[in-house]
Amino acid sequence: MKQSDLFRDNAENCLHLAERAGGDPAFRRYSRMAESWRALAFEQDWLDGEVPPMPVGNAGARFEM
């Protein structure tokens, strides 16, 4: 199993915990954890060369002051 798949499994577990959370603070905490695991999975896919790098919008634009 790829490491990014393990990260996605962790995100899924956090979502299940969020559904069973006893209050809003716990729900938000588990939801944030799930989002962080998903971001790590995406990052790992990128590091493994499975996802092309995202284009950077106006990276070459000059800033006028």
PDB file of N, CA and C in Angstrom:
ATOM      1  N   MET A   1       0.842  -1.176   0.000  1.00  0.00           N
ATOM      2  CA  MET A   1       0.000   0.000   0.000  1.00  0.00           C
ATOM      3  C   MET A   1       0.891   1.245   0.000  1.00  0.00           C
ATOM      4  N   LYS A   2       0.518   2.209  -0.832  1.00  0.00           N
ATOM      5  CA  LYS A   2       1.282   3.453  -0.913  1.00  0.00           C
ATOM      6  C   LYS A   2       1.079   4.281   0.355  1.00  0.00           C
ATOM      7  N   GLN A   3       2.076   5.079   0.655  1.00  0.00           N
ATOM      8  CA  GLN A   3       1.990   5.925   1.842  1.00  0.00           C
ATOM      9  C   GLN A   3       0.833   6.916   1.721  1.00  0.00           C
ATOM     10  N   SER A   4       0.593   7.439   0.531  1.00  0.00           N
ATOM     11  CA  SER A   4      -0.512   8.386   0.364  1.00  0.00           C
ATOM     12  C   SER A   4      -1.857   7.712   0.644  1.00  0.00           C
ATOM     13  N   ASP A   5      -1.978   6.420   0.334  1.00  0.00           N
ATOM     14  CA  ASP A   5      -3.214   5.697   0.650  1.00  0.00           C
ATOM     15  C   ASP A   5      -3.394   5.557   2.161  1.00  0.00           C
ATOM     16  N   LEU A   6      -2.303   5.356   2.868  1.00  0.00           N
ATOM     17  CA  LEU A   6      -2.381   5.307   4.332  1.00  0.00           C
ATOM     18  C   LEU A   6      -2.838   6.655   4.888  1.00  0.00           C
ATOM     19  N   PHE A   7      -2.330   7.741   4.300  1.00  0.00           N
ATOM     20  CA  PHE A   7      -2.756   9.074   4.727  1.00  0.00           C
ATOM     21  C   PHE A   7      -4.250   9.269   4.477  1.00  0.00           C
ATOM     22  N   ARG A   8      -4.738   8.783   3.334  1.00  0.00           N
ATOM     23  CA  ARG A   8      -6.173   8.900   3.034  1.00  0.00           C
ATOM     24  C   ARG A   8      -7.008   8.057   4.001  1.00  0.00           C
ATOM     25  N   ASP A   9      -6.511   6.901   4.374  1.00  0.00           N
ATOM     26  CA  ASP A   9      -7.205   6.085   5.377  1.00  0.00           C
ATOM     27  C   ASP A   9      -7.287   6.827   6.707  1.00  0.00           C
ATOM     28  N   ASN A  10      -6.210   7.492   7.086  1.00  0.00           N
ATOM     29  CA  ASN A  10      -6.225   8.286   8.318  1.00  0.00           C
ATOM     30  C   ASN A  10      -7.252   9.412   8.221  1.00  0.00           C
ATOM     31  N   ALA A  11      -7.342  10.045   7.056  1.00  0.00           N
ATOM     32  CA  ALA A  11      -8.332  11.106   6.859  1.00  0.00           C
ATOM     33  C   ALA A  11      -9.740  10.548   7.014  1.00  0.00           C
ATOM     34  N   GLU A  12      -9.980   9.377   6.453  1.00  0.00           N
ATOM     35  CA  GLU A  12     -11.296   8.743   6.563  1.00  0.00           C
ATOM     36  C   GLU A  12     -11.623   8.414   8.019  1.00  0.00           C
ATOM     37  N   ASN A  13     -10.643   7.924   8.750  1.00  0.00           N
ATOM     38  CA  ASN A  13     -10.853   7.641  10.176  1.00  0.00           C
ATOM     39  C   ASN A  13     -11.203   8.912  10.944  1.00  0.00           C
ATOM     40  N   CYS A  14     -10.536  10.002  10.622  1.00  0.00           N
ATOM     41  CA  CYS A  14     -10.831  11.275  11.288  1.00  0.00           C
ATOM     42  C   CYS A  14     -12.251  11.734  10.980  1.00  0.00           C
ATOM     43  N   LEU A  15     -12.697  11.515   9.746  1.00  0.00           N
ATOM     44  CA  LEU A  15     -14.071  11.893   9.397  1.00  0.00           C
ATOM     45  C   LEU A  15     -15.086  11.061  10.175  1.00  0.00           C
ATOM     46  N   HIS A  16     -14.797   9.783  10.356  1.00  0.00           N
ATOM     47  CA  HIS A  16     -15.688   8.941  11.164  1.00  0.00           C
ATOM     48  C   HIS A  16     -15.717   9.420  12.612  1.00  0.00           C
ATOM     49  N   LEU A  17     -14.558   9.791  13.134  1.00  0.00           N
ATOM     50  CA  LEU A  17     -14.507  10.325  14.492  1.00  0.00           C
ATOM     51  C   LEU A  17     -15.270  11.644  14.588  1.00  0.00           C
ATOM     52  N   ALA A  18     -15.187  12.464  13.556  1.00  0.00           N
ATOM     53  CA  ALA A  18     -15.910  13.738  13.554  1.00  0.00           C
ATOM     54  C   ALA A  18     -17.417  13.503  13.594  1.00  0.00           C
ATOM     55  N   GLU A  19     -17.881  12.487  12.857  1.00  0.00           N
ATOM     56  CA  GLU A  19     -19.316  12.182  12.847  1.00  0.00           C
ATOM     57  C   GLU A  19     -19.805  11.776  14.234  1.00  0.00           C
ATOM     58  N   ARG A  20     -18.944  11.135  15.012  1.00  0.00           N
ATOM     59  CA  ARG A  20     -19.324  10.656  16.340  1.00  0.00           C
ATOM     60  C   ARG A  20     -18.891  11.607  17.451  1.00  0.00           C
ATOM     61  N   ALA A  21     -18.370  12.756  17.086  1.00  0.00           N
ATOM     62  CA  ALA A  21     -17.857  13.704  18.085  1.00  0.00           C
ATOM     63  C   ALA A  21     -18.992  14.171  18.992  1.00  0.00           C
ATOM     64  N   GLY A  22     -18.644  14.381  20.251  1.00  0.00           N
ATOM     65  CA  GLY A  22     -19.633  14.776  21.234  1.00  0.00           C
ATOM     66  C   GLY A  22     -19.977  16.251  21.233  1.00  0.00           C
ATOM     67  N   GLY A  23     -19.259  17.046  20.515  1.00  0.00           N
ATOM     68  CA  GLY A  23     -19.533  18.477  20.507  1.00  0.00           C
ATOM     69  C   GLY A  23     -18.867  19.153  19.330  1.00  0.00           C
ATOM     70  N   ASP A  24     -19.192  20.421  19.167  1.00  0.00           N
ATOM     71  CA  ASP A  24     -18.661  21.169  18.030  1.00  0.00           C
ATOM     72  C   ASP A  24     -17.138  21.303  18.052  1.00  0.00           C
ATOM     73  N   PRO A  25     -16.505  21.566  19.201  1.00  0.00           N
ATOM     74  CA  PRO A  25     -15.038  21.669  19.181  1.00  0.00           C
ATOM     75  C   PRO A  25     -14.364  20.379  18.707  1.00  0.00           C
ATOM     76  N   ALA A  26     -14.854  19.237  19.170  1.00  0.00           N
ATOM     77  CA  ALA A  26     -14.269  17.958  18.745  1.00  0.00           C
ATOM     78  C   ALA A  26     -14.541  17.715  17.267  1.00  0.00           C
ATOM     79  N   PHE A  27     -15.750  18.047  16.811  1.00  0.00           N
ATOM     80  CA  PHE A  27     -16.081  17.882  15.394  1.00  0.00           C
ATOM     81  C   PHE A  27     -15.133  18.698  14.523  1.00  0.00           C
ATOM     82  N   ARG A  28     -14.925  19.958  14.893  1.00  0.00           N
ATOM     83  CA  ARG A  28     -14.032  20.821  14.111  1.00  0.00           C
ATOM     84  C   ARG A  28     -12.594  20.312  14.148  1.00  0.00           C
ATOM     85  N   ARG A  29     -12.158  19.839  15.306  1.00  0.00           N
ATOM     86  CA  ARG A  29     -10.791  19.332  15.443  1.00  0.00           C
ATOM     87  C   ARG A  29     -10.569  18.133  14.526  1.00  0.00           C
ATOM     88  N   TYR A  30     -11.488  17.157  14.555  1.00  0.00           N
ATOM     89  CA  TYR A  30     -11.336  15.977  13.700  1.00  0.00           C
ATOM     90  C   TYR A  30     -11.462  16.336  12.222  1.00  0.00           C
ATOM     91  N   SER A  31     -12.305  17.295  11.908  1.00  0.00           N
ATOM     92  CA  SER A  31     -12.445  17.728  10.513  1.00  0.00           C
ATOM     93  C   SER A  31     -11.157  18.374  10.013  1.00  0.00           C
ATOM     94  N   ARG A  32     -10.530  19.194  10.850  1.00  0.00           N
ATOM     95  CA  ARG A  32      -9.245  19.797  10.479  1.00  0.00           C
ATOM     96  C   ARG A  32      -8.169  18.733  10.315  1.00  0.00           C
ATOM     97  N   MET A  33      -8.185  17.741  11.192  1.00  0.00           N
ATOM     98  CA  MET A  33      -7.214  16.655  11.083  1.00  0.00           C
ATOM     99  C   MET A  33      -7.414  15.892   9.772  1.00  0.00           C
ATOM    100  N   ALA A  34      -8.662  15.647   9.405  1.00  0.00           N
ATOM    101  CA  ALA A  34      -8.943  14.940   8.149  1.00  0.00           C
ATOM    102  C   ALA A  34      -8.425  15.739   6.965  1.00  0.00           C
ATOM    103  N   GLU A  35      -8.659  17.038   6.975  1.00  0.00           N
ATOM    104  CA  GLU A  35      -8.179  17.880   5.878  1.00  0.00           C
ATOM    105  C   GLU A  35      -6.653  17.879   5.814  1.00  0.00           C
ATOM    106  N   SER A  36      -6.011  17.875   6.960  1.00  0.00           N
ATOM    107  CA  SER A  36      -4.543  17.825   6.983  1.00  0.00           C
ATOM    108  C   SER A  36      -4.025  16.507   6.419  1.00  0.00           C
ATOM    109  N   TRP A  37      -4.671  15.395   6.770  1.00  0.00           N
ATOM    110  CA  TRP A  37      -4.257  14.098   6.219  1.00  0.00           C
ATOM    111  C   TRP A  37      -4.447  14.065   4.708  1.00  0.00           C
ATOM    112  N   ARG A  38      -5.555  14.655   4.219  1.00  0.00           N
ATOM    113  CA  ARG A  38      -5.777  14.702   2.764  1.00  0.00           C
ATOM    114  C   ARG A  38      -4.694  15.522   2.072  1.00  0.00           C
ATOM    115  N   ALA A  39      -4.325  16.645   2.685  1.00  0.00           N
ATOM    116  CA  ALA A  39      -3.269  17.479   2.106  1.00  0.00           C
ATOM    117  C   ALA A  39      -1.942  16.722   2.078  1.00  0.00           C
ATOM    118  N   LEU A  40      -1.653  15.973   3.137  1.00  0.00           N
ATOM    119  CA  LEU A  40      -0.430  15.172   3.162  1.00  0.00           C
ATOM    120  C   LEU A  40      -0.456  14.099   2.078  1.00  0.00           C
ATOM    121  N   ALA A  41      -1.618  13.493   1.861  1.00  0.00           N
ATOM    122  CA  ALA A  41      -1.738  12.467   0.819  1.00  0.00           C
ATOM    123  C   ALA A  41      -1.462  13.071  -0.552  1.00  0.00           C
ATOM    124  N   PHE A  42      -2.018  14.251  -0.809  1.00  0.00           N
ATOM    125  CA  PHE A  42      -1.776  14.916  -2.086  1.00  0.00           C
ATOM    126  C   PHE A  42      -0.297  15.246  -2.246  1.00  0.00           C
ATOM    127  N   GLU A  43       0.290  15.760  -1.185  1.00  0.00           N
ATOM    128  CA  GLU A  43       1.714  16.110  -1.213  1.00  0.00           C
ATOM    129  C   GLU A  43       2.576  14.870  -1.476  1.00  0.00           C
ATOM    130  N   GLN A  44       2.217  13.757  -0.839  1.00  0.00           N
ATOM    131  CA  GLN A  44       2.980  12.530  -1.043  1.00  0.00           C
ATOM    132  C   GLN A  44       2.840  12.033  -2.478  1.00  0.00           C
ATOM    133  N   ASP A  45       1.624  12.126  -3.035  1.00  0.00           N
ATOM    134  CA  ASP A  45       1.442  11.754  -4.443  1.00  0.00           C
ATOM    135  C   ASP A  45       2.328  12.610  -5.335  1.00  0.00           C
ATOM    136  N   TRP A  46       2.405  13.907  -5.027  1.00  0.00           N
ATOM    137  CA  TRP A  46       3.250  14.810  -5.814  1.00  0.00           C
ATOM    138  C   TRP A  46       4.715  14.411  -5.678  1.00  0.00           C
ATOM    139  N   LEU A  47       5.139  14.128  -4.449  1.00  0.00           N
ATOM    140  CA  LEU A  47       6.531  13.723  -4.231  1.00  0.00           C
ATOM    141  C   LEU A  47       6.863  12.421  -4.955  1.00  0.00           C
ATOM    142  N   ASP A  48       5.872  11.542  -5.057  1.00  0.00           N
ATOM    143  CA  ASP A  48       6.067  10.265  -5.748  1.00  0.00           C
ATOM    144  C   ASP A  48       5.946  10.400  -7.265  1.00  0.00           C
ATOM    145  N   GLY A  49       5.668  11.617  -7.753  1.00  0.00           N
ATOM    146  CA  GLY A  49       5.574  11.859  -9.186  1.00  0.00           C
ATOM    147  C   GLY A  49       4.264  11.431  -9.808  1.00  0.00           C
ATOM    148  N   GLU A  50       3.231  11.254  -9.000  1.00  0.00           N
ATOM    149  CA  GLU A  50       1.944  10.807  -9.517  1.00  0.00           C
ATOM    150  C   GLU A  50       1.007  11.959  -9.854  1.00  0.00           C
ATOM    151  N   VAL A  51       1.311  13.137  -9.382  1.00  0.00           N
ATOM    152  CA  VAL A  51       0.482  14.314  -9.633  1.00  0.00           C
ATOM    153  C   VAL A  51       1.386  15.399 -10.187  1.00  0.00           C
ATOM    154  N   PRO A  52       1.016  15.986 -11.325  1.00  0.00           N
ATOM    155  CA  PRO A  52       1.858  17.069 -11.852  1.00  0.00           C
ATOM    156  C   PRO A  52       1.791  18.286 -10.934  1.00  0.00           C
ATOM    157  N   PRO A  53       2.842  19.080 -10.912  1.00  0.00           N
ATOM    158  CA  PRO A  53       2.818  20.286 -10.076  1.00  0.00           C
ATOM    159  C   PRO A  53       1.723  21.225 -10.542  1.00  0.00           C
ATOM    160  N   MET A  54       1.125  21.926  -9.596  1.00  0.00           N
ATOM    161  CA  MET A  54       0.057  22.866  -9.921  1.00  0.00           C
ATOM    162  C   MET A  54       0.671  24.139 -10.489  1.00  0.00           C
ATOM    163  N   PRO A  55       0.033  24.704 -11.514  1.00  0.00           N
ATOM    164  CA  PRO A  55       0.554  25.962 -12.057  1.00  0.00           C
ATOM    165  C   PRO A  55       0.403  27.083 -11.036  1.00  0.00           C
ATOM    166  N   VAL A  56       1.374  27.948 -11.003  1.00  0.00           N
ATOM    167  CA  VAL A  56       1.335  29.085 -10.098  1.00  0.00           C
ATOM    168  C   VAL A  56       0.781  30.258 -10.873  1.00  0.00           C
ATOM    169  N   GLY A  57      -0.376  30.745 -10.472  1.00  0.00           N
ATOM    170  CA  GLY A  57      -1.106  31.806 -11.154  1.00  0.00           C
ATOM    171  C   GLY A  57      -0.269  32.871 -11.818  1.00  0.00           C
ATOM    172  N   ASN A  58       0.064  33.912 -11.120  1.00  0.00           N
ATOM    173  CA  ASN A  58       0.804  35.043 -11.673  1.00  0.00           C
ATOM    174  C   ASN A  58       2.217  35.082 -11.113  1.00  0.00           C
ATOM    175  N   ALA A  59       2.877  33.966 -11.115  1.00  0.00           N
ATOM    176  CA  ALA A  59       4.212  33.902 -10.521  1.00  0.00           C
ATOM    177  C   ALA A  59       5.184  34.839 -11.218  1.00  0.00           C
ATOM    178  N   GLY A  60       4.985  35.069 -12.507  1.00  0.00           N
ATOM    179  CA  GLY A  60       5.912  35.914 -13.235  1.00  0.00           C
ATOM    180  C   GLY A  60       5.489  37.370 -13.306  1.00  0.00           C
ATOM    181  N   ALA A  61       4.336  37.702 -12.722  1.00  0.00           N
ATOM    182  CA  ALA A  61       3.838  39.074 -12.791  1.00  0.00           C
ATOM    183  C   ALA A  61       4.673  39.989 -11.902  1.00  0.00           C
ATOM    184  N   ARG A  62       4.866  41.209 -12.386  1.00  0.00           N
ATOM    185  CA  ARG A  62       5.588  42.205 -11.593  1.00  0.00           C
ATOM    186  C   ARG A  62       4.608  42.929 -10.697  1.00  0.00           C
ATOM    187  N   PHE A  63       5.063  43.260  -9.517  1.00  0.00           N
ATOM    188  CA  PHE A  63       4.237  44.015  -8.591  1.00  0.00           C
ATOM    189  C   PHE A  63       4.625  45.481  -8.680  1.00  0.00           C
ATOM    190  N   GLU A  64       3.650  46.306  -8.941  1.00  0.00           N
ATOM    191  CA  GLU A  64       3.871  47.752  -9.017  1.00  0.00           C
ATOM    192  C   GLU A  64       3.585  48.355  -7.653  1.00  0.00           C
ATOM    193  N   MET A  65       4.466  49.237  -7.220  1.00  0.00           N
ATOM    194  CA  MET A  65       4.256  49.911  -5.941  1.00  0.00           C
ATOM    195  C   MET A  65       4.164  51.378  -6.146  1.00  0.00           C
TER     196      MET A  65
END
